[in-house]
Amino acid sequence: MTTEFLTPAVETAGGLLQSGPASVQRILVVEEAEDLRQLNAEMLLDAGYQVDAAEEGAAAWAALQLQRYDLLLIGQFLPKVSGVELLKKLHTARMTLPVIMTTEILPTWEFALHPCLQAVKMLRKPYTMDKLLGLVKSVLPQTAGALAERVPAVSWPSQAAAERLRL
């Protein structure tokens, strides 16, 4: 499993780097507060996920351009590009992945203005690591199912089965 801490220039910093299997689900943790970012990343790493971390929204956006993630765990108030702005960028770029936003204040007015943000799961701060891990586990199986539907048609036993699963 890998934990990479991305600087604003999207570089890998030292510490906690280990290689792991390609089938491990990959999570990008974006949090301005270093202690919370590191705590979240270490807890997810201990739970068996591959984790990258960024301290601000611009670095997270750069990482999302370079890497495929199964989940985005993002704070609402980030420097350079806020959590909501990053979600809007994802929508505009038609990048789909589950998102958990951690926040002290629920951005209900902004979510009402932008219906594309409705699919985001909210986790109110302060939260326990058990609550975070439970939410992550409840969101990630959806990703595994979506990936299974994208298997090339040639591997399906019949054309009828392919028609039923086509998006």
Protein backbone atom coordinates (compact mmCIF):
# COMPACT_ATOMS: atom_id res chain seq x y z
CA MET A 1 0.00 0.00 0.00
CA THR A 2 1.17 3.51 -0.67
CA THR A 3 0.74 6.78 1.09
CA GLU A 4 1.97 9.75 -0.88
CA PHE A 5 1.80 13.22 0.53
CA LEU A 6 1.46 15.62 -2.37
CA THR A 7 2.86 19.12 -2.04
CA PRO A 8 1.19 22.00 -3.89
CA ALA A 9 3.48 21.16 -6.83
CA VAL A 10 2.17 17.56 -6.73
CA GLU A 11 5.46 16.00 -5.74
CA THR A 12 5.82 12.89 -3.63
CA ALA A 13 7.39 13.62 -0.26
CA GLY A 14 9.25 11.12 1.89
CA GLY A 15 7.79 8.77 4.47
CA LEU A 16 5.26 5.94 4.52
CA LEU A 17 6.00 4.78 0.97
CA GLN A 18 5.48 1.09 0.24
CA SER A 19 4.35 -0.65 -2.91
CA GLY A 20 1.20 -2.75 -2.93
CA PRO A 21 -1.09 -4.71 -5.23
CA ALA A 22 -2.80 -2.88 -8.10
CA SER A 23 -6.25 -4.13 -7.02
CA VAL A 24 -6.20 -2.15 -3.77
CA GLN A 25 -8.71 0.69 -3.79
CA ARG A 26 -7.08 4.11 -4.03
CA ILE A 27 -8.22 7.14 -2.01
CA LEU A 28 -7.17 10.78 -2.34
CA VAL A 29 -7.33 12.62 1.01
CA VAL A 30 -7.42 16.41 0.67
CA GLU A 31 -7.27 18.35 3.93
CA GLU A 32 -5.59 21.62 4.83
CA ALA A 33 -4.94 20.70 8.49
CA GLU A 34 -1.77 18.59 8.47
CA ASP A 35 -2.61 16.59 11.62
CA LEU A 36 -6.08 15.64 10.37
CA ARG A 37 -4.78 14.89 6.86
CA GLN A 38 -2.10 12.58 8.26
CA LEU A 39 -4.48 10.93 10.73
CA ASN A 40 -7.05 10.22 7.99
CA ALA A 41 -4.37 8.92 5.62
CA GLU A 42 -2.80 6.63 8.24
CA MET A 43 -6.16 5.26 9.35
CA LEU A 44 -7.14 4.47 5.75
CA LEU A 45 -3.73 2.97 5.06
CA ASP A 46 -4.09 0.73 8.14
CA ALA A 47 -7.51 -0.33 6.82
CA GLY A 48 -5.85 -1.62 3.64
CA TYR A 49 -6.41 1.22 1.18
CA GLN A 50 -3.82 2.90 -1.02
CA VAL A 51 -3.74 6.57 0.00
CA ASP A 52 -2.45 9.78 -1.52
CA ALA A 53 -2.79 13.06 0.36
CA ALA A 54 -2.80 16.72 -0.63
CA GLU A 55 -3.04 19.84 1.48
CA GLU A 56 -4.93 22.07 -0.95
CA GLY A 57 -7.37 21.92 -3.83
CA ALA A 58 -5.00 22.83 -6.69
CA ALA A 59 -2.65 19.96 -5.79
CA ALA A 60 -5.64 17.62 -5.54
CA TRP A 61 -6.85 18.67 -8.99
CA ALA A 62 -3.38 18.00 -10.43
CA ALA A 63 -3.31 14.57 -8.76
CA LEU A 64 -6.76 13.75 -10.17
CA GLN A 65 -5.41 14.52 -13.67
CA LEU A 66 -2.52 12.09 -13.22
CA GLN A 67 -4.06 9.20 -11.28
CA ARG A 68 -7.29 7.20 -11.05
CA TYR A 69 -8.93 7.20 -7.62
CA ASP A 70 -11.78 5.15 -6.23
CA LEU A 71 -12.74 7.79 -3.64
CA LEU A 72 -12.08 11.45 -2.90
CA LEU A 73 -12.09 12.47 0.78
CA ILE A 74 -12.06 16.25 0.76
CA GLY A 75 -12.33 19.12 3.19
CA GLN A 76 -14.70 21.96 2.34
CA PHE A 77 -12.40 24.90 3.06
CA LEU A 78 -9.13 24.48 1.18
CA PRO A 79 -6.59 27.02 -0.02
CA LYS A 80 -6.34 27.91 -3.74
CA VAL A 81 -9.29 25.73 -4.86
CA SER A 82 -12.06 25.10 -2.31
CA GLY A 83 -13.70 21.72 -1.89
CA VAL A 84 -16.88 22.87 -3.66
CA GLU A 85 -14.85 24.44 -6.50
CA LEU A 86 -12.97 21.16 -6.91
CA LEU A 87 -16.26 19.26 -7.09
CA LYS A 88 -17.49 21.65 -9.79
CA LYS A 89 -14.26 21.04 -11.74
CA LEU A 90 -14.82 17.28 -11.47
CA HIS A 91 -18.35 17.67 -12.80
CA THR A 92 -17.26 19.93 -15.67
CA ALA A 93 -14.53 17.45 -16.63
CA ARG A 94 -17.08 14.60 -16.38
CA MET A 95 -14.90 12.80 -13.86
CA THR A 96 -17.04 10.51 -11.76
CA LEU A 97 -15.92 9.12 -8.44
CA PRO A 98 -17.49 8.91 -5.01
CA VAL A 99 -16.82 11.92 -2.80
CA ILE A 100 -16.97 12.37 0.96
CA MET A 101 -16.74 15.99 2.07
CA THR A 102 -15.70 16.73 5.65
CA THR A 103 -16.97 20.04 6.98
CA GLU A 104 -17.93 21.97 10.08
CA ILE A 105 -20.59 23.96 8.23
CA LEU A 106 -22.87 22.23 5.74
CA PRO A 107 -22.83 24.17 2.42
CA THR A 108 -26.56 23.71 1.82
CA TRP A 109 -27.06 26.88 -0.24
CA GLU A 110 -24.23 26.00 -2.61
CA PHE A 111 -25.49 22.44 -2.97
CA ALA A 112 -28.98 23.78 -3.71
CA LEU A 113 -27.54 25.99 -6.49
CA HIS A 114 -25.56 23.14 -8.06
CA PRO A 115 -27.58 19.90 -8.26
CA CYS A 116 -24.49 18.05 -9.55
CA LEU A 117 -23.12 18.23 -5.99
CA GLN A 118 -26.04 16.28 -4.50
CA ALA A 119 -24.27 12.92 -4.80
CA VAL A 120 -21.58 14.01 -2.34
CA LYS A 121 -21.68 12.33 1.08
CA MET A 122 -21.19 14.76 3.96
CA LEU A 123 -19.27 14.03 7.16
CA ARG A 124 -19.61 16.67 9.83
CA LYS A 125 -16.53 17.66 11.85
CA PRO A 126 -15.57 16.64 14.43
CA TYR A 127 -15.96 12.98 13.53
CA THR A 128 -14.55 9.72 14.84
CA MET A 129 -12.25 7.52 12.80
CA ASP A 130 -14.82 4.72 13.13
CA LYS A 131 -17.48 6.94 11.58
CA LEU A 132 -15.14 7.93 8.73
CA LEU A 133 -14.10 4.34 8.04
CA GLY A 134 -17.74 3.19 8.12
CA LEU A 135 -18.72 5.83 5.56
CA VAL A 136 -15.73 4.96 3.35
CA LYS A 137 -16.67 1.27 3.45
CA SER A 138 -20.30 2.06 2.59
CA VAL A 139 -19.30 4.20 -0.40
CA LEU A 140 -16.51 2.10 -1.91
CA PRO A 141 -18.50 -1.06 -2.76
CA GLN A 142 -20.46 1.13 -5.18
CA THR A 143 -17.19 1.85 -6.99
CA ALA A 144 -16.32 -1.85 -7.25
CA GLY A 145 -19.72 -2.57 -8.83
CA ALA A 146 -19.36 0.27 -11.32
CA LEU A 147 -15.95 -1.04 -12.37
CA ALA A 148 -17.36 -4.53 -12.93
CA GLU A 149 -19.89 -3.10 -15.38
CA ARG A 150 -17.07 -1.70 -17.55
CA VAL A 151 -15.58 -5.10 -18.43
CA PRO A 152 -15.12 -5.29 -22.25
CA ALA A 153 -18.00 -7.05 -24.04
CA VAL A 154 -15.70 -9.73 -25.50
CA SER A 155 -15.30 -11.25 -22.03
CA TRP A 156 -19.06 -11.66 -21.54
CA PRO A 157 -20.59 -15.09 -22.23
CA SER A 158 -23.27 -13.79 -24.60
CA GLN A 159 -24.39 -10.69 -26.46
CA ALA A 160 -27.67 -10.73 -24.47
CA ALA A 161 -25.72 -10.44 -21.21
CA ALA A 162 -23.71 -7.57 -22.69
CA GLU A 163 -26.91 -5.75 -23.65
CA ARG A 164 -28.28 -6.02 -20.09
CA LEU A 165 -25.13 -4.51 -18.58
CA ARG A 166 -24.47 -1.77 -21.12
CA LEU A 167 -24.55 1.75 -19.65
